[in-house]
Amino acid sequence: METLNRTMAGVTNRYPEKVLQFGEGNFLRAFADWQIQEMNEKAGFNGSVVVVQPRGSGKIERLNHQDGLFTLYLQGTKEGQEVNEHLVVDSISRGINLDQDYDQYLQLAESEELRFVISNTTEAGIRFNENARLEDRPQEGFPAKLTAFLYHRFQAFSGDSSKGCVMIPCELIENNGPELKKVVLQYAEHWNLEQGFVEWLHEANTFCSSLVDRIVPGYPKDSGDEKEAELGYRDELMVVSEQYYLFVIEGPEWLKNELPFEKAGLNSFIVDDLTAYRERKVRILNGAHTAMLPVCYLYGLDTVSQSVNDEVTGAFIKEMIAEEMIPAMKYSEEEMKAYAQDVLERFRNPYIHHFLSSLALNAISKFNARNVPTLVDYVEKKQKLPQRLTFSLSALLYFYKGKRGEEDIPLDDSSEIIEEFKELWQKVDSKELQLTAFVQDILSKEQWWGRDLSSISGLTTAVAEHLKVFEDKGIKAAVLEVNAAFTK
C-alpha cells in the first residue's frame, strides 16, 4: 500500500512559510494546522507551517516522508448531528530535524514571509534552563531554541522593527504568552545579548496568551489498519479528533486582520482577556483528564470514555467535578455546571477512543498546573481538603511507582522526576522509608509544585493513608471505599 504523499493525493498547493511550529504532535496538527488549512481555503490566509521538534525527531522524519500531509478524522457532534468525516490536511510544508538540519532552522529565521510562532511543548516546556547555550545546535529546551531563532532573525534584518514575530504558545499554563516572553528575556540576559535585541523583542514582537480546547486522542491504535484499508493508503500520522474546538487568543485588535478566523467561520477568537475561558477549561476539562488518569488507569481502564461510563469511576469523576472543582471556582455555578455537563458528554463521544496513557506525558507538571490551584482554592474556601482530588493526587504518586499489577507503566516525564520516584519508592519497598516520610518528601518539592504542598493542613497524612490502602488492598478496593465514604 502506498504511503500518503502530495503526488498520490493530488495536492499541489504551496503556500509561503508564515508559521514556525514547535511541536509535531497530534494536538497541534489536529488543532492549529487544521485551522490554518481552513483559513487558507476560506479566508485567503495564504500561509504554511514549518514544524520543528521540541525533542526526539521520529515524527519529523515521518512527516517529511509524507510531504507534510496527514489524514484527520473528525468524529462527534456537529451542528446537532453525529458526524464522522475525514480530510487530508496540507498546511504543513516541511519538518526540520533540528539535530541534523540546524542551518535550515537559521535560514527560516531569515525568511521575509515568516510571521507566527506556535508551540505546544506541554506545561513543562516553558522554563529556563541555565545550561542551555546560544552556541548549541540545537539549544536545550523550547524557549532557548526560540530565543536563538529570534536573535538570528534580529541580526539577519539588522533589528528591523517590521520583521518581528507573533508568538502564540498553546501550553496550558496561566499567562503563557508573558511567561514565554519572560524566559526569552532571561536567556537574552544569560547569554549577554545586546540591549538592542532586548528592545527589538519588546517593540517588534508580540507574545500572546492563548487557550486551546479540542480533545485529540491521536493515532487510532484500535482501528488504524481498518481506516487505512478504507482510505487506500498508508498514513503513519493519521489523527483522530472530536468535532468540537475552541481557540481563544489574548491579543491586540490588529491581529484579527492577520488571523482571519471570523472570515473562515472558525470558532476562534481574539479577545482582550481570556481569563474566564481559560480557568473553566483548564480546571474542569483538563483538570478532570489529569485527575482521572492515575485513578482510572490503575483501576484497570484504558480510555476516557470507559472511565466516565464505568459505574464506579464514572461516579468518582462526576462527583469530583460537581463537588470539588466547580465549588472552588469564582464564576457562576450554573454556567460551570452547564459547561461540565458538555465536557462529560464530550468524554463519552462514542467515536473517540481517547487512551488514558496518552494523558500521562509530564503528568506531575500537568497536575500542578491544572489541579493544584483547585485544591488550594477549595481548602481556602471550605477549610477542608477536597477528598477526591486528594485521592487523585495519591493515585498519581502511586502511578509513578511504574506498575499496574504485574504490568510496567511506561512513565513519560523528565528524567529527574522519574529517577526521584524510582529511588524513593525503592526505599519505601525496602522499609527504609515510611510512607508518610515519602509523601512529605514529594509534596515539599517546591520546584515541582511551585509551593510546599506539605504545608497544607492534613494533606500529607491523607495522601499517606490512601497510599497504604493502595498497598494493602489495591486501587480497586480503594476507589470503592472512597466512593462509599462520600455517599454516607
Protein backbone atom coordinates (compact mmCIF):
# COMPACT_ATOMS: atom_id res chain seq x y z
CA MET A 1 0.00 0.00 0.00
CA GLU A 2 1.40 3.39 -0.98
CA THR A 3 2.21 5.94 1.74
CA LEU A 4 0.32 9.23 1.69
CA ASN A 5 2.18 11.93 -0.27
CA ARG A 6 1.38 15.02 -2.34
CA THR A 7 1.55 13.28 -5.71
CA MET A 8 -0.83 10.43 -4.90
CA ALA A 9 -3.17 12.81 -3.02
CA GLY A 10 -3.16 15.34 -5.86
CA VAL A 11 -2.11 18.18 -3.55
CA THR A 12 -0.46 21.00 -5.49
CA ASN A 13 -0.87 23.89 -3.02
CA ARG A 14 2.37 25.60 -2.00
CA TYR A 15 1.92 28.48 0.42
CA PRO A 16 4.54 30.90 1.80
CA GLU A 17 6.01 29.64 5.07
CA LYS A 18 4.39 32.01 7.56
CA VAL A 19 4.31 29.83 10.67
CA LEU A 20 7.07 28.18 12.72
CA GLN A 21 5.59 25.44 14.89
CA PHE A 22 7.35 23.93 17.90
CA GLY A 23 5.67 20.56 18.26
CA GLU A 24 4.92 17.86 15.74
CA GLY A 25 2.46 16.04 17.95
CA ASN A 26 -1.14 15.06 17.38
CA PHE A 27 -2.74 18.04 19.08
CA LEU A 28 -1.23 20.91 17.12
CA ARG A 29 -1.70 19.07 13.84
CA ALA A 30 -5.38 18.36 14.53
CA PHE A 31 -6.00 21.80 16.00
CA ALA A 32 -3.78 24.62 14.72
CA ASP A 33 -2.69 23.14 11.40
CA TRP A 34 -6.25 22.18 10.51
CA GLN A 35 -7.40 25.74 11.26
CA ILE A 36 -4.62 27.16 9.10
CA GLN A 37 -5.84 24.97 6.25
CA GLU A 38 -9.38 26.26 6.83
CA MET A 39 -8.11 29.87 6.69
CA ASN A 40 -6.16 29.12 3.52
CA GLU A 41 -9.21 27.68 1.81
CA LYS A 42 -11.86 30.10 3.09
CA ALA A 43 -10.16 33.35 4.05
CA GLY A 44 -7.03 33.79 1.94
CA PHE A 45 -4.54 33.37 4.79
CA ASN A 46 -2.03 32.05 2.23
CA GLY A 47 0.41 30.50 4.65
CA SER A 48 2.02 27.19 5.52
CA VAL A 49 3.66 25.75 8.61
CA VAL A 50 7.24 24.62 9.19
CA VAL A 51 7.42 22.15 12.06
CA VAL A 52 10.38 21.55 14.38
CA GLN A 53 10.60 19.10 17.25
CA PRO A 54 10.94 20.14 20.91
CA ARG A 55 12.58 16.74 21.49
CA GLY A 56 13.03 13.41 19.58
CA SER A 57 12.87 13.55 15.79
CA GLY A 58 10.93 10.43 14.78
CA LYS A 59 7.75 12.23 13.73
CA ILE A 60 9.72 14.86 11.79
CA GLU A 61 11.14 12.13 9.58
CA ARG A 62 7.70 10.57 9.07
CA LEU A 63 6.22 13.99 8.36
CA ASN A 64 8.75 14.71 5.61
CA HIS A 65 8.29 11.20 4.21
CA GLN A 66 4.58 12.08 3.76
CA ASP A 67 5.33 15.55 2.31
CA GLY A 68 3.81 17.17 5.39
CA LEU A 69 0.41 15.54 4.80
CA PHE A 70 -1.73 13.64 7.27
CA THR A 71 -5.33 12.44 7.49
CA LEU A 72 -7.57 13.98 10.12
CA TYR A 73 -10.71 12.16 11.27
CA LEU A 74 -13.27 14.50 12.86
CA GLN A 75 -15.78 12.50 14.87
CA GLY A 76 -18.62 13.62 17.10
CA THR A 77 -21.47 16.12 17.20
CA LYS A 78 -21.52 18.83 14.53
CA GLU A 79 -24.45 21.23 14.24
CA GLY A 80 -26.55 18.88 16.35
CA GLN A 81 -25.78 15.78 14.28
CA GLU A 82 -23.40 12.87 14.85
CA VAL A 83 -20.77 13.23 12.12
CA ASN A 84 -17.80 11.02 11.24
CA GLU A 85 -15.71 12.61 8.47
CA HIS A 86 -12.11 12.84 7.36
CA LEU A 87 -9.85 15.03 5.25
CA VAL A 88 -6.20 15.37 4.27
CA VAL A 89 -4.53 18.37 5.93
CA ASP A 90 -1.96 20.02 3.67
CA SER A 91 -0.94 23.16 5.58
CA ILE A 92 2.47 21.81 6.69
CA SER A 93 5.19 22.47 4.13
CA ARG A 94 8.01 20.53 5.83
CA GLY A 95 9.60 19.50 9.06
CA ILE A 96 13.10 20.46 10.17
CA ASN A 97 15.10 17.98 12.23
CA LEU A 98 17.00 20.35 14.49
CA ASP A 99 19.54 17.68 15.38
CA GLN A 100 20.58 17.24 11.75
CA ASP A 101 19.49 20.35 9.84
CA TYR A 102 20.04 23.26 12.19
CA ASP A 103 21.17 25.50 9.34
CA GLN A 104 17.69 25.17 7.78
CA TYR A 105 16.29 26.49 11.06
CA LEU A 106 18.54 29.54 10.90
CA GLN A 107 17.65 30.08 7.23
CA LEU A 108 13.96 30.11 8.19
CA ALA A 109 14.75 32.89 10.69
CA GLU A 110 15.94 34.94 7.69
CA SER A 111 12.66 34.49 5.79
CA GLU A 112 10.70 37.62 4.87
CA GLU A 113 7.38 35.72 4.97
CA LEU A 114 7.70 34.21 8.45
CA ARG A 115 5.31 35.88 10.90
CA PHE A 116 3.94 33.49 13.53
CA VAL A 117 5.38 31.08 16.10
CA ILE A 118 3.06 28.45 17.60
CA SER A 119 4.08 25.97 20.28
CA ASN A 120 2.77 23.12 22.37
CA THR A 121 5.56 21.63 24.45
CA THR A 122 3.34 20.67 27.45
CA GLU A 123 3.21 22.54 30.73
CA ALA A 124 6.83 21.55 31.42
CA GLY A 125 8.05 23.22 28.23
CA ILE A 126 8.18 26.89 29.20
CA ARG A 127 11.01 27.05 31.69
CA PHE A 128 14.51 28.45 31.97
CA ASN A 129 17.49 26.10 31.76
CA GLU A 130 20.74 27.73 32.78
CA ASN A 131 22.73 25.02 30.96
CA ALA A 132 21.35 25.96 27.53
CA ARG A 133 23.87 27.90 25.44
CA LEU A 134 23.43 30.13 22.41
CA GLU A 135 26.15 28.26 20.53
CA ASP A 136 24.43 24.90 20.95
CA ARG A 137 22.93 23.38 17.79
CA PRO A 138 20.16 22.98 18.89
CA GLN A 139 19.74 24.56 22.29
CA GLU A 140 18.19 22.54 25.09
CA GLY A 141 14.54 23.43 25.69
CA PHE A 142 11.92 25.23 23.63
CA PRO A 143 12.40 28.80 24.98
CA ALA A 144 16.16 28.58 24.40
CA LYS A 145 15.60 27.39 20.82
CA LEU A 146 13.13 30.24 20.28
CA THR A 147 15.49 32.85 21.73
CA ALA A 148 18.29 31.71 19.42
CA PHE A 149 15.89 31.82 16.46
CA LEU A 150 14.70 35.34 17.27
CA TYR A 151 18.24 36.56 17.87
CA HIS A 152 19.34 35.25 14.48
CA ARG A 153 16.32 36.99 12.90
CA PHE A 154 17.21 40.22 14.70
CA GLN A 155 20.73 40.03 13.28
CA ALA A 156 19.65 38.99 9.79
CA PHE A 157 17.33 42.00 9.45
CA SER A 158 19.54 44.44 11.37
CA GLY A 159 16.88 45.00 14.01
CA ASP A 160 14.13 45.96 11.52
CA SER A 161 11.01 46.53 13.64
CA SER A 162 8.78 45.23 10.82
CA LYS A 163 10.38 41.77 11.00
CA GLY A 164 9.17 40.79 14.46
CA CYS A 165 7.01 37.73 15.09
CA VAL A 166 3.75 36.96 16.83
CA MET A 167 4.25 34.21 19.41
CA ILE A 168 1.18 32.09 20.28
CA PRO A 169 2.15 29.46 22.87
CA CYS A 170 -0.53 26.82 23.42
CA GLU A 171 0.92 25.30 26.60
CA LEU A 172 -1.74 25.10 29.30
CA ILE A 173 -0.16 27.40 31.84
CA GLU A 174 -1.59 30.67 33.04
CA ASN A 175 -0.44 33.74 31.08
CA ASN A 176 1.52 31.52 28.71
CA GLY A 177 2.45 34.44 26.46
CA PRO A 178 4.03 36.67 29.12
CA GLU A 179 5.60 33.61 30.75
CA LEU A 180 7.28 32.64 27.48
CA LYS A 181 8.47 36.21 26.96
CA LYS A 182 9.89 36.29 30.49
CA VAL A 183 12.01 33.19 29.82
CA VAL A 184 13.18 34.53 26.44
CA LEU A 185 14.32 37.71 28.20
CA GLN A 186 16.10 35.58 30.81
CA TYR A 187 18.08 33.92 28.03
CA ALA A 188 18.89 37.29 26.46
CA GLU A 189 20.40 38.35 29.79
CA HIS A 190 22.01 34.97 30.49
CA TRP A 191 23.71 34.97 27.09
CA ASN A 192 24.74 38.63 27.37
CA LEU A 193 22.89 39.60 24.19
CA GLU A 194 22.95 43.27 23.30
CA GLN A 195 20.39 45.76 24.57
CA GLY A 196 19.25 46.41 21.00
CA PHE A 197 17.94 42.84 20.80
CA VAL A 198 16.04 43.24 24.06
CA GLU A 199 14.45 46.45 22.77
CA TRP A 200 13.56 44.70 19.49
CA LEU A 201 11.91 41.88 21.46
CA HIS A 202 9.72 44.42 23.24
CA GLU A 203 8.94 46.70 20.31
CA ALA A 204 8.75 44.40 17.27
CA ASN A 205 7.38 41.14 18.72
CA THR A 206 4.06 40.21 20.27
CA PHE A 207 3.68 37.45 22.85
CA CYS A 208 0.02 36.42 23.06
CA SER A 209 -1.58 34.23 25.69
CA SER A 210 -3.91 31.58 24.33
CA LEU A 211 -6.43 28.96 25.29
CA VAL A 212 -6.89 25.79 23.25
CA ASP A 213 -9.73 23.30 23.52
CA ARG A 214 -10.14 20.15 21.47
CA ILE A 215 -9.91 16.52 22.51
CA VAL A 216 -7.36 14.83 20.27
CA PRO A 217 -6.74 11.16 21.12
CA GLY A 218 -4.20 10.91 18.30
CA TYR A 219 -3.45 7.91 16.13
CA PRO A 220 -6.35 5.40 16.20
CA LYS A 221 -4.46 2.46 17.69
CA ASP A 222 -7.50 0.23 17.68
CA SER A 223 -8.67 0.97 14.13
CA GLY A 224 -5.63 2.22 12.20
CA ASP A 225 -5.44 -0.75 9.84
CA GLU A 226 -9.17 -0.60 9.18
CA LYS A 227 -9.00 3.11 8.41
CA GLU A 228 -6.00 2.68 6.10
CA ALA A 229 -7.89 -0.03 4.21
CA GLU A 230 -10.80 2.38 3.85
CA LEU A 231 -8.52 5.20 2.68
CA GLY A 232 -6.45 3.07 0.33
CA TYR A 233 -3.09 4.41 1.53
CA ARG A 234 -0.74 4.15 4.48
CA ASP A 235 -0.65 7.08 6.90
CA GLU A 236 1.55 6.81 9.99
CA LEU A 237 0.49 10.31 11.11
CA MET A 238 -3.27 9.80 10.96
CA VAL A 239 -5.05 11.70 13.75
CA VAL A 240 -8.49 11.29 15.30
CA SER A 241 -10.16 14.30 16.91
CA GLU A 242 -13.54 15.34 18.18
CA GLN A 243 -15.55 17.82 16.13
CA TYR A 244 -15.62 20.45 18.89
CA TYR A 245 -12.83 23.02 19.17
CA LEU A 246 -12.22 26.46 20.65
CA PHE A 247 -9.20 28.73 20.19
CA VAL A 248 -9.04 31.96 22.19
CA ILE A 249 -6.08 34.32 21.77
CA GLU A 250 -5.48 37.26 24.06
CA GLY A 251 -4.02 39.80 21.69
CA PRO A 252 -4.26 43.23 20.05
CA GLU A 253 -7.13 44.23 17.76
CA TRP A 254 -4.89 44.41 14.67
CA LEU A 255 -4.21 40.68 14.95
CA LYS A 256 -7.73 40.00 13.68
CA ASN A 257 -6.64 41.20 10.24
CA GLU A 258 -3.66 38.85 10.15
CA LEU A 259 -5.50 35.80 11.51
CA PRO A 260 -8.86 35.76 9.66
CA PHE A 261 -10.67 33.33 11.98
CA GLU A 262 -14.01 35.10 11.62
CA LYS A 263 -13.88 35.20 7.83
CA ALA A 264 -13.13 31.46 7.78
CA GLY A 265 -16.11 30.80 10.07
CA LEU A 266 -13.98 29.30 12.81
CA ASN A 267 -14.86 29.02 16.49
CA SER A 268 -11.71 31.00 17.32
CA PHE A 269 -11.47 34.48 18.79
CA ILE A 270 -9.02 37.26 19.56
CA VAL A 271 -10.02 38.91 22.83
CA ASP A 272 -8.77 41.39 25.42
CA ASP A 273 -8.95 38.94 28.35
CA LEU A 274 -9.25 35.16 28.21
CA THR A 275 -9.13 34.52 31.97
CA ALA A 276 -12.66 33.14 32.33
CA TYR A 277 -12.35 30.96 29.21
CA ARG A 278 -9.06 29.59 30.45
CA GLU A 279 -9.98 28.84 34.03
CA ARG A 280 -13.12 26.85 33.30
CA LYS A 281 -11.40 24.84 30.57
CA VAL A 282 -8.12 24.14 32.37
CA ARG A 283 -9.72 23.36 35.71
CA ILE A 284 -12.71 21.31 34.52
CA LEU A 285 -11.83 19.65 31.21
CA ASN A 286 -8.04 19.38 31.54
CA GLY A 287 -8.27 19.04 35.30
CA ALA A 288 -10.67 16.11 35.01
CA HIS A 289 -8.45 14.44 32.41
CA THR A 290 -5.39 14.72 34.63
CA ALA A 291 -7.20 13.72 37.83
CA MET A 292 -8.84 10.67 36.26
CA LEU A 293 -5.63 9.40 34.67
CA PRO A 294 -3.98 7.71 37.68
CA VAL A 295 -7.24 6.66 39.32
CA CYS A 296 -8.85 5.07 36.27
CA TYR A 297 -5.69 3.67 34.70
CA LEU A 298 -4.66 1.94 37.91
CA TYR A 299 -8.27 0.78 38.31
CA GLY A 300 -7.73 -1.19 35.10
CA LEU A 301 -9.40 1.01 32.48
CA ASP A 302 -7.74 2.22 29.29
CA THR A 303 -9.82 5.04 27.79
CA VAL A 304 -11.56 8.21 28.89
CA SER A 305 -14.96 7.01 27.69
CA GLN A 306 -14.59 3.74 29.65
CA SER A 307 -13.68 5.77 32.73
CA VAL A 308 -16.71 8.08 32.51
CA ASN A 309 -19.13 5.30 31.62
CA ASP A 310 -17.94 2.90 34.33
CA GLU A 311 -20.33 2.87 37.29
CA VAL A 312 -17.59 3.25 39.90
CA THR A 313 -15.04 5.54 38.27
CA GLY A 314 -17.74 7.49 36.45
CA ALA A 315 -19.34 8.39 39.78
CA PHE A 316 -15.93 9.40 41.14
CA ILE A 317 -15.26 11.73 38.18
CA LYS A 318 -18.70 13.33 38.10
CA GLU A 319 -18.76 14.00 41.83
CA MET A 320 -15.20 15.33 41.80
CA ILE A 321 -16.17 17.90 39.16
CA ALA A 322 -19.50 18.81 40.78
CA GLU A 323 -18.48 18.89 44.43
CA GLU A 324 -14.84 19.97 44.33
CA MET A 325 -13.79 21.58 41.05
CA ILE A 326 -16.82 23.82 40.49
CA PRO A 327 -17.18 25.00 44.12
CA ALA A 328 -13.51 26.06 44.11
CA MET A 329 -14.09 28.44 41.19
CA LYS A 330 -15.30 32.04 41.39
CA TYR A 331 -17.60 32.01 38.36
CA SER A 332 -21.33 31.35 38.06
CA GLU A 333 -22.03 27.88 39.40
CA GLU A 334 -24.90 27.47 36.94
CA GLU A 335 -22.64 28.26 33.97
CA MET A 336 -19.88 25.98 35.25
CA LYS A 337 -22.35 23.11 35.72
CA ALA A 338 -23.60 23.52 32.14
CA TYR A 339 -20.01 23.56 30.86
CA ALA A 340 -19.18 20.47 32.95
CA GLN A 341 -22.16 18.62 31.50
CA ASP A 342 -20.92 19.42 27.99
CA VAL A 343 -17.45 18.18 28.95
CA LEU A 344 -18.78 14.86 30.24
CA GLU A 345 -20.74 14.40 27.02
CA ARG A 346 -17.56 15.06 25.04
CA PHE A 347 -15.73 12.48 27.18
CA ARG A 348 -18.45 9.95 26.25
CA ASN A 349 -18.06 10.58 22.50
CA PRO A 350 -18.69 7.08 21.02
CA TYR A 351 -16.35 7.73 18.10
CA ILE A 352 -13.39 8.74 20.22
CA HIS A 353 -11.12 6.19 21.91
CA HIS A 354 -9.01 8.55 23.99
CA PHE A 355 -6.41 6.37 25.70
CA LEU A 356 -5.55 7.32 29.26
CA SER A 357 -1.91 6.52 28.52
CA SER A 358 -1.85 9.47 26.08
CA LEU A 359 -2.59 11.79 29.02
CA ALA A 360 0.44 10.62 31.00
CA LEU A 361 3.12 12.85 29.46
CA ASN A 362 4.56 15.13 32.17
CA ALA A 363 1.69 14.25 34.48
CA ILE A 364 3.30 15.90 37.50
CA SER A 365 3.55 19.32 35.86
CA LYS A 366 0.05 18.85 34.44
CA PHE A 367 -1.41 18.08 37.87
CA ASN A 368 0.40 21.11 39.23
CA ALA A 369 -0.95 23.45 36.54
CA ARG A 370 -4.46 22.02 36.31
CA ASN A 371 -5.39 20.62 39.73
CA VAL A 372 -3.22 22.14 42.44
CA PRO A 373 -4.87 25.59 42.07
CA THR A 374 -8.27 23.94 42.54
CA LEU A 375 -7.05 22.03 45.58
CA VAL A 376 -5.60 25.18 47.16
CA ASP A 377 -8.67 27.33 46.41
CA TYR A 378 -11.01 24.64 47.75
CA VAL A 379 -9.06 24.46 51.02
CA GLU A 380 -9.14 28.26 51.36
CA LYS A 381 -12.90 28.42 50.70
CA LYS A 382 -14.07 25.31 52.58
CA GLN A 383 -11.37 24.95 55.25
CA LYS A 384 -11.08 21.24 54.45
CA LEU A 385 -9.44 19.01 51.87
CA PRO A 386 -11.16 18.15 48.57
CA GLN A 387 -11.28 14.43 49.19
CA ARG A 388 -11.45 13.16 45.61
CA LEU A 389 -8.68 15.45 44.36
CA THR A 390 -6.61 14.35 47.33
CA PHE A 391 -7.31 10.75 46.37
CA SER A 392 -6.27 11.51 42.78
CA LEU A 393 -3.02 13.09 43.96
CA SER A 394 -2.36 9.97 46.00
CA ALA A 395 -3.05 7.79 42.96
CA LEU A 396 -0.67 9.95 40.90
CA LEU A 397 2.16 9.28 43.34
CA TYR A 398 1.31 5.58 43.16
CA PHE A 399 1.19 5.75 39.35
CA TYR A 400 4.83 6.87 39.40
CA LYS A 401 5.74 3.61 41.07
CA GLY A 402 5.54 2.38 37.48
CA LYS A 403 3.35 -0.69 37.95
CA ARG A 404 -0.26 -1.60 37.15
CA GLY A 405 -0.45 -5.01 38.75
CA GLU A 406 2.27 -7.02 37.02
CA GLU A 407 2.31 -4.65 34.04
CA ASP A 408 5.00 -1.98 33.73
CA ILE A 409 3.78 1.58 33.20
CA PRO A 410 5.92 3.40 30.60
CA LEU A 411 6.43 6.63 32.54
CA ASP A 412 6.92 9.68 30.32
CA ASP A 413 8.33 12.58 32.30
CA SER A 414 11.61 14.34 32.97
CA SER A 415 14.45 12.02 33.95
CA GLU A 416 14.77 13.93 37.24
CA ILE A 417 11.16 13.20 38.26
CA ILE A 418 11.24 9.57 37.15
CA GLU A 419 14.53 8.88 38.92
CA GLU A 420 13.40 10.62 42.10
CA PHE A 421 10.25 8.49 42.28
CA LYS A 422 12.18 5.34 41.49
CA GLU A 423 14.67 5.97 44.27
CA LEU A 424 12.05 6.90 46.85
CA TRP A 425 9.70 4.01 46.02
CA GLN A 426 12.62 1.57 46.32
CA LYS A 427 13.27 2.94 49.80
CA VAL A 428 9.59 2.52 50.71
CA ASP A 429 9.52 -1.06 49.41
CA SER A 430 12.69 -1.93 51.37
CA LYS A 431 11.16 -0.41 54.54
CA GLU A 432 13.96 2.16 54.59
CA LEU A 433 11.40 4.96 54.26
CA GLN A 434 7.93 5.23 55.78
CA LEU A 435 5.01 6.24 53.56
CA THR A 436 4.45 9.46 55.49
CA ALA A 437 8.08 10.48 55.02
CA PHE A 438 7.84 9.56 51.32
CA VAL A 439 4.78 11.76 50.88
CA GLN A 440 6.37 14.59 52.88
CA ASP A 441 9.42 14.46 50.61
CA ILE A 442 7.36 14.57 47.39
CA LEU A 443 4.84 17.21 48.46
CA SER A 444 7.52 19.54 49.81
CA LYS A 445 9.31 19.80 46.44
CA GLU A 446 8.65 23.42 45.60
CA GLN A 447 10.47 23.07 42.28
CA TRP A 448 7.74 20.61 41.20
CA TRP A 449 4.67 22.26 42.67
CA GLY A 450 5.63 25.94 42.88
CA ARG A 451 4.86 25.77 46.62
CA ASP A 452 5.29 23.44 49.58
CA LEU A 453 2.15 21.30 49.38
CA SER A 454 3.08 19.52 52.60
CA SER A 455 2.23 22.77 54.41
CA ILE A 456 -1.48 22.27 53.58
CA SER A 457 -3.08 21.03 56.77
CA GLY A 458 -3.78 17.29 56.71
CA LEU A 459 -2.70 16.70 53.11
CA THR A 460 0.44 14.66 53.84
CA THR A 461 -1.42 12.41 56.27
CA ALA A 462 -4.39 11.91 53.92
CA VAL A 463 -2.18 11.02 50.94
CA ALA A 464 -0.10 8.61 53.04
CA GLU A 465 -3.28 6.90 54.30
CA HIS A 466 -4.55 6.46 50.73
CA LEU A 467 -1.19 5.01 49.66
CA LYS A 468 -1.35 2.49 52.50
CA VAL A 469 -4.77 1.34 51.30
CA PHE A 470 -3.39 1.04 47.75
CA GLU A 471 -0.54 -1.10 49.05
CA ASP A 472 -2.69 -3.25 51.34
CA LYS A 473 -5.92 -3.69 49.35
CA GLY A 474 -5.26 -2.47 45.82
CA ILE A 475 -6.59 0.51 43.90
CA LYS A 476 -9.98 -1.03 43.02
CA ALA A 477 -10.87 -1.57 46.66
CA ALA A 478 -9.63 1.92 47.47
CA VAL A 479 -11.87 3.57 44.85
CA LEU A 480 -14.87 1.59 46.07
CA GLU A 481 -14.14 2.59 49.66
CA VAL A 482 -13.70 6.26 48.87
CA ASN A 483 -16.93 6.34 46.81
CA ALA A 484 -18.82 4.64 49.64
CA ALA A 485 -17.41 7.11 52.17
CA PHE A 486 -18.64 10.07 50.10
CA THR A 487 -22.19 8.73 49.85
CA LYS A 488 -22.67 8.17 53.57
